[in-house]
Amino acid sequence: MPSPRIRISSDYLNYGTADLTDSWTASQWGAIPAEVRPLFHPSIDDVTVEGILHALSDPVRAHIFVEIAGAEHSQTCSAFLEVSDRTVPKSTLSQHFKVLRDAGLIRSERQGVEMHNTPRCDELEQRFPGLVKAIIDAHKSQTERQRARRRRRARSA
């Protein structure tokens, strides 16, 4: 039985060459080193509310997205090796960024050995007006409540 074909559209790629728009089999795709493999970014038309909510259902991913969305410049993956006073293994962090990217929340670009991530807030705002702002505001409010609880517990202990 032949391997399934993967069609790569240049719309989804963070890569400058057109020769990658050829069909690849699933087995060939794995042979491309991760450092040069193009990154998948869904078209904004393919982004769903369900996908966004699923991606942000993990507290670490929600924290990462809110930080990226609030940053003035692109953020590297290594900036998030510690989230909420916990160390996150690099392999887990890579998976978190992939989920955020696949949901259409961030755009990632390789620059040398670093991966730079930017939010897709403007595109998302056009597709789902008010959704991203509501999510960010709710996350910030929740974080403040949690900090206040911790402070109260620390004072009473």
C-alpha atoms as a PDB file:
ATOM      1  CA  MET A   1       0.000   0.000   0.000  1.00  0.00           C
ATOM      2  CA  PRO A   2       1.521   3.393  -0.959  1.00  0.00           C
ATOM      3  CA  SER A   3       2.287   5.972   1.738  1.00  0.00           C
ATOM      4  CA  PRO A   4      -0.259   8.771   2.123  1.00  0.00           C
ATOM      5  CA  ARG A   5       0.737  11.975   0.324  1.00  0.00           C
ATOM      6  CA  ILE A   6       1.216  15.216   2.184  1.00  0.00           C
ATOM      7  CA  ARG A   7       0.490  18.335   0.167  1.00  0.00           C
ATOM      8  CA  ILE A   8       2.336  21.397   1.419  1.00  0.00           C
ATOM      9  CA  SER A   9       0.872  24.712   0.423  1.00  0.00           C
ATOM     10  CA  SER A  10       3.217  27.679   0.398  1.00  0.00           C
ATOM     11  CA  ASP A  11       0.458  29.628   2.218  1.00  0.00           C
ATOM     12  CA  TYR A  12       1.132  27.551   5.318  1.00  0.00           C
ATOM     13  CA  LEU A  13       4.899  27.632   5.213  1.00  0.00           C
ATOM     14  CA  ASN A  14       7.394  29.794   6.943  1.00  0.00           C
ATOM     15  CA  TYR A  15       9.853  28.978   4.184  1.00  0.00           C
ATOM     16  CA  GLY A  16      10.998  30.853   1.142  1.00  0.00           C
ATOM     17  CA  THR A  17      11.301  28.194  -1.545  1.00  0.00           C
ATOM     18  CA  ALA A  18       8.554  26.929  -3.809  1.00  0.00           C
ATOM     19  CA  ASP A  19      10.092  23.489  -4.359  1.00  0.00           C
ATOM     20  CA  LEU A  20       8.594  22.341  -1.039  1.00  0.00           C
ATOM     21  CA  THR A  21       5.106  22.606  -2.522  1.00  0.00           C
ATOM     22  CA  ASP A  22       5.729  19.230  -4.182  1.00  0.00           C
ATOM     23  CA  SER A  23       3.981  16.228  -2.695  1.00  0.00           C
ATOM     24  CA  TRP A  24       5.892  14.299  -0.056  1.00  0.00           C
ATOM     25  CA  THR A  25       5.059  10.922   1.373  1.00  0.00           C
ATOM     26  CA  ALA A  26       4.699  10.623   5.127  1.00  0.00           C
ATOM     27  CA  SER A  27       7.905   8.578   5.298  1.00  0.00           C
ATOM     28  CA  GLN A  28       9.882  11.201   3.343  1.00  0.00           C
ATOM     29  CA  TRP A  29       8.611  14.017   5.577  1.00  0.00           C
ATOM     30  CA  GLY A  30      10.230  12.435   8.647  1.00  0.00           C
ATOM     31  CA  ALA A  31      13.581  12.345   6.850  1.00  0.00           C
ATOM     32  CA  ILE A  32      13.779  16.154   6.697  1.00  0.00           C
ATOM     33  CA  PRO A  33      15.799  17.446   9.672  1.00  0.00           C
ATOM     34  CA  ALA A  34      13.633  19.413  12.119  1.00  0.00           C
ATOM     35  CA  GLU A  35      15.906  22.466  11.771  1.00  0.00           C
ATOM     36  CA  VAL A  36      14.921  22.932   8.130  1.00  0.00           C
ATOM     37  CA  ARG A  37      11.454  21.388   8.094  1.00  0.00           C
ATOM     38  CA  PRO A  38       8.908  24.097   7.288  1.00  0.00           C
ATOM     39  CA  LEU A  39       6.459  25.060  10.025  1.00  0.00           C
ATOM     40  CA  PHE A  40       2.732  24.644   9.565  1.00  0.00           C
ATOM     41  CA  HIS A  41       0.606  27.727  10.156  1.00  0.00           C
ATOM     42  CA  PRO A  42      -3.095  27.292   9.430  1.00  0.00           C
ATOM     43  CA  SER A  43      -4.889  29.766   7.251  1.00  0.00           C
ATOM     44  CA  ILE A  44      -6.934  32.136   9.395  1.00  0.00           C
ATOM     45  CA  ASP A  45     -10.036  30.725   7.667  1.00  0.00           C
ATOM     46  CA  ASP A  46      -9.179  27.284   9.074  1.00  0.00           C
ATOM     47  CA  VAL A  47      -8.834  28.507  12.675  1.00  0.00           C
ATOM     48  CA  THR A  48     -11.752  27.491  14.903  1.00  0.00           C
ATOM     49  CA  VAL A  49     -12.984  28.637  18.297  1.00  0.00           C
ATOM     50  CA  GLU A  50     -12.868  25.012  19.460  1.00  0.00           C
ATOM     51  CA  GLY A  51      -9.216  24.737  18.406  1.00  0.00           C
ATOM     52  CA  ILE A  52      -8.331  27.965  20.220  1.00  0.00           C
ATOM     53  CA  LEU A  53     -10.118  26.934  23.413  1.00  0.00           C
ATOM     54  CA  HIS A  54      -8.548  23.481  23.320  1.00  0.00           C
ATOM     55  CA  ALA A  55      -5.057  24.956  22.887  1.00  0.00           C
ATOM     56  CA  LEU A  56      -5.612  27.333  25.798  1.00  0.00           C
ATOM     57  CA  SER A  57      -7.132  24.691  28.084  1.00  0.00           C
ATOM     58  CA  ASP A  58      -3.649  23.904  29.392  1.00  0.00           C
ATOM     59  CA  PRO A  59      -2.516  26.507  31.964  1.00  0.00           C
ATOM     60  CA  VAL A  60       1.074  26.513  30.678  1.00  0.00           C
ATOM     61  CA  ARG A  61      -0.057  27.157  27.089  1.00  0.00           C
ATOM     62  CA  ALA A  62      -2.474  29.859  28.265  1.00  0.00           C
ATOM     63  CA  HIS A  63       0.367  31.561  30.146  1.00  0.00           C
ATOM     64  CA  ILE A  64       2.703  31.306  27.148  1.00  0.00           C
ATOM     65  CA  PHE A  65       0.100  32.769  24.778  1.00  0.00           C
ATOM     66  CA  VAL A  66      -0.801  35.669  27.093  1.00  0.00           C
ATOM     67  CA  GLU A  67       2.887  36.529  27.508  1.00  0.00           C
ATOM     68  CA  ILE A  68       3.528  36.399  23.748  1.00  0.00           C
ATOM     69  CA  ALA A  69       0.402  38.449  23.042  1.00  0.00           C
ATOM     70  CA  GLY A  70       1.482  41.112  25.538  1.00  0.00           C
ATOM     71  CA  ALA A  71       5.089  41.351  24.387  1.00  0.00           C
ATOM     72  CA  GLU A  72       6.367  44.162  22.204  1.00  0.00           C
ATOM     73  CA  HIS A  73       8.745  41.872  20.301  1.00  0.00           C
ATOM     74  CA  SER A  74       8.787  38.246  19.265  1.00  0.00           C
ATOM     75  CA  GLN A  75       9.510  35.813  22.077  1.00  0.00           C
ATOM     76  CA  THR A  76      11.865  32.864  21.859  1.00  0.00           C
ATOM     77  CA  CYS A  77      10.815  29.443  23.093  1.00  0.00           C
ATOM     78  CA  SER A  78      13.628  29.459  25.641  1.00  0.00           C
ATOM     79  CA  ALA A  79      12.045  32.478  27.358  1.00  0.00           C
ATOM     80  CA  PHE A  80       9.455  30.045  28.730  1.00  0.00           C
ATOM     81  CA  LEU A  81      11.685  27.373  30.243  1.00  0.00           C
ATOM     82  CA  GLU A  82      10.241  28.469  33.589  1.00  0.00           C
ATOM     83  CA  VAL A  83       6.500  29.053  33.793  1.00  0.00           C
ATOM     84  CA  SER A  84       4.800  29.857  37.105  1.00  0.00           C
ATOM     85  CA  ASP A  85       7.938  28.959  39.070  1.00  0.00           C
ATOM     86  CA  ARG A  86       8.096  25.527  37.428  1.00  0.00           C
ATOM     87  CA  THR A  87      10.724  24.294  35.008  1.00  0.00           C
ATOM     88  CA  VAL A  88       9.249  23.048  31.735  1.00  0.00           C
ATOM     89  CA  PRO A  89      11.303  20.437  29.826  1.00  0.00           C
ATOM     90  CA  LYS A  90      12.293  21.544  26.318  1.00  0.00           C
ATOM     91  CA  SER A  91      10.446  18.635  24.704  1.00  0.00           C
ATOM     92  CA  THR A  92       7.230  19.573  26.526  1.00  0.00           C
ATOM     93  CA  LEU A  93       7.734  23.219  25.615  1.00  0.00           C
ATOM     94  CA  SER A  94       8.136  22.296  21.938  1.00  0.00           C
ATOM     95  CA  GLN A  95       4.834  20.434  22.065  1.00  0.00           C
ATOM     96  CA  HIS A  96       3.101  23.412  23.719  1.00  0.00           C
ATOM     97  CA  PHE A  97       4.322  25.735  20.967  1.00  0.00           C
ATOM     98  CA  LYS A  98       3.208  23.279  18.285  1.00  0.00           C
ATOM     99  CA  VAL A  99      -0.302  23.153  19.766  1.00  0.00           C
ATOM    100  CA  LEU A 100      -0.478  26.964  19.901  1.00  0.00           C
ATOM    101  CA  ARG A 101       0.801  27.185  16.319  1.00  0.00           C
ATOM    102  CA  ASP A 102      -1.595  24.512  15.031  1.00  0.00           C
ATOM    103  CA  ALA A 103      -4.518  26.316  16.698  1.00  0.00           C
ATOM    104  CA  GLY A 104      -3.558  29.491  14.819  1.00  0.00           C
ATOM    105  CA  LEU A 105      -2.712  31.488  17.933  1.00  0.00           C
ATOM    106  CA  ILE A 106       0.962  32.155  17.156  1.00  0.00           C
ATOM    107  CA  ARG A 107       3.295  32.346  14.205  1.00  0.00           C
ATOM    108  CA  SER A 108       6.775  30.871  14.659  1.00  0.00           C
ATOM    109  CA  GLU A 109       9.867  31.653  12.621  1.00  0.00           C
ATOM    110  CA  ARG A 110      13.271  30.035  12.801  1.00  0.00           C
ATOM    111  CA  GLN A 111      16.114  32.498  13.122  1.00  0.00           C
ATOM    112  CA  GLY A 112      19.338  30.558  13.352  1.00  0.00           C
ATOM    113  CA  VAL A 113      19.000  28.132  16.236  1.00  0.00           C
ATOM    114  CA  GLU A 114      16.188  30.077  17.888  1.00  0.00           C
ATOM    115  CA  MET A 115      12.465  29.946  17.254  1.00  0.00           C
ATOM    116  CA  HIS A 116      10.811  33.373  17.438  1.00  0.00           C
ATOM    117  CA  ASN A 117       7.090  33.489  18.179  1.00  0.00           C
ATOM    118  CA  THR A 118       4.609  36.277  17.535  1.00  0.00           C
ATOM    119  CA  PRO A 119       0.879  36.376  18.233  1.00  0.00           C
ATOM    120  CA  ARG A 120      -1.705  36.365  15.454  1.00  0.00           C
ATOM    121  CA  CYS A 121      -3.980  38.678  17.445  1.00  0.00           C
ATOM    122  CA  ASP A 122      -4.806  41.033  14.566  1.00  0.00           C
ATOM    123  CA  GLU A 123      -5.854  38.168  12.298  1.00  0.00           C
ATOM    124  CA  LEU A 124      -7.804  36.509  15.114  1.00  0.00           C
ATOM    125  CA  GLU A 125      -9.539  39.778  15.983  1.00  0.00           C
ATOM    126  CA  GLN A 126     -10.835  40.030  12.423  1.00  0.00           C
ATOM    127  CA  ARG A 127     -12.056  36.425  12.455  1.00  0.00           C
ATOM    128  CA  PHE A 128     -13.445  36.354  16.025  1.00  0.00           C
ATOM    129  CA  PRO A 129     -13.966  39.937  17.251  1.00  0.00           C
ATOM    130  CA  GLY A 130     -13.318  40.315  20.981  1.00  0.00           C
ATOM    131  CA  LEU A 131     -12.354  36.675  21.627  1.00  0.00           C
ATOM    132  CA  VAL A 132      -8.624  37.122  22.177  1.00  0.00           C
ATOM    133  CA  LYS A 133      -9.078  40.223  24.349  1.00  0.00           C
ATOM    134  CA  ALA A 134     -11.656  38.393  26.485  1.00  0.00           C
ATOM    135  CA  ILE A 135      -9.320  35.414  26.914  1.00  0.00           C
ATOM    136  CA  ILE A 136      -6.351  37.613  27.841  1.00  0.00           C
ATOM    137  CA  ASP A 137      -8.413  39.698  30.296  1.00  0.00           C
ATOM    138  CA  ALA A 138      -9.876  36.564  31.924  1.00  0.00           C
ATOM    139  CA  HIS A 139      -6.414  35.002  32.259  1.00  0.00           C
ATOM    140  CA  LYS A 140      -4.981  38.142  33.849  1.00  0.00           C
ATOM    141  CA  SER A 141      -7.912  38.371  36.268  1.00  0.00           C
ATOM    142  CA  GLN A 142      -7.532  34.715  37.241  1.00  0.00           C
ATOM    143  CA  THR A 143      -3.787  35.128  37.754  1.00  0.00           C
ATOM    144  CA  GLU A 144      -4.320  38.153  40.021  1.00  0.00           C
ATOM    145  CA  ARG A 145      -6.877  36.253  42.135  1.00  0.00           C
ATOM    146  CA  GLN A 146      -4.455  33.346  42.517  1.00  0.00           C
ATOM    147  CA  ARG A 147      -1.622  35.673  43.578  1.00  0.00           C
ATOM    148  CA  ALA A 148      -3.882  37.395  46.121  1.00  0.00           C
ATOM    149  CA  ARG A 149      -4.880  34.015  47.605  1.00  0.00           C
ATOM    150  CA  ARG A 150      -1.229  32.980  47.895  1.00  0.00           C
ATOM    151  CA  ARG A 151      -0.372  36.259  49.647  1.00  0.00           C
ATOM    152  CA  ARG A 152      -3.235  35.805  52.127  1.00  0.00           C
ATOM    153  CA  ARG A 153      -2.143  32.231  52.859  1.00  0.00           C
ATOM    154  CA  ALA A 154       1.471  33.325  53.338  1.00  0.00           C
ATOM    155  CA  ARG A 155       0.439  36.058  55.820  1.00  0.00           C
ATOM    156  CA  SER A 156      -1.772  33.701  57.833  1.00  0.00           C
ATOM    157  CA  ALA A 157       0.884  30.976  58.024  1.00  0.00           C
END
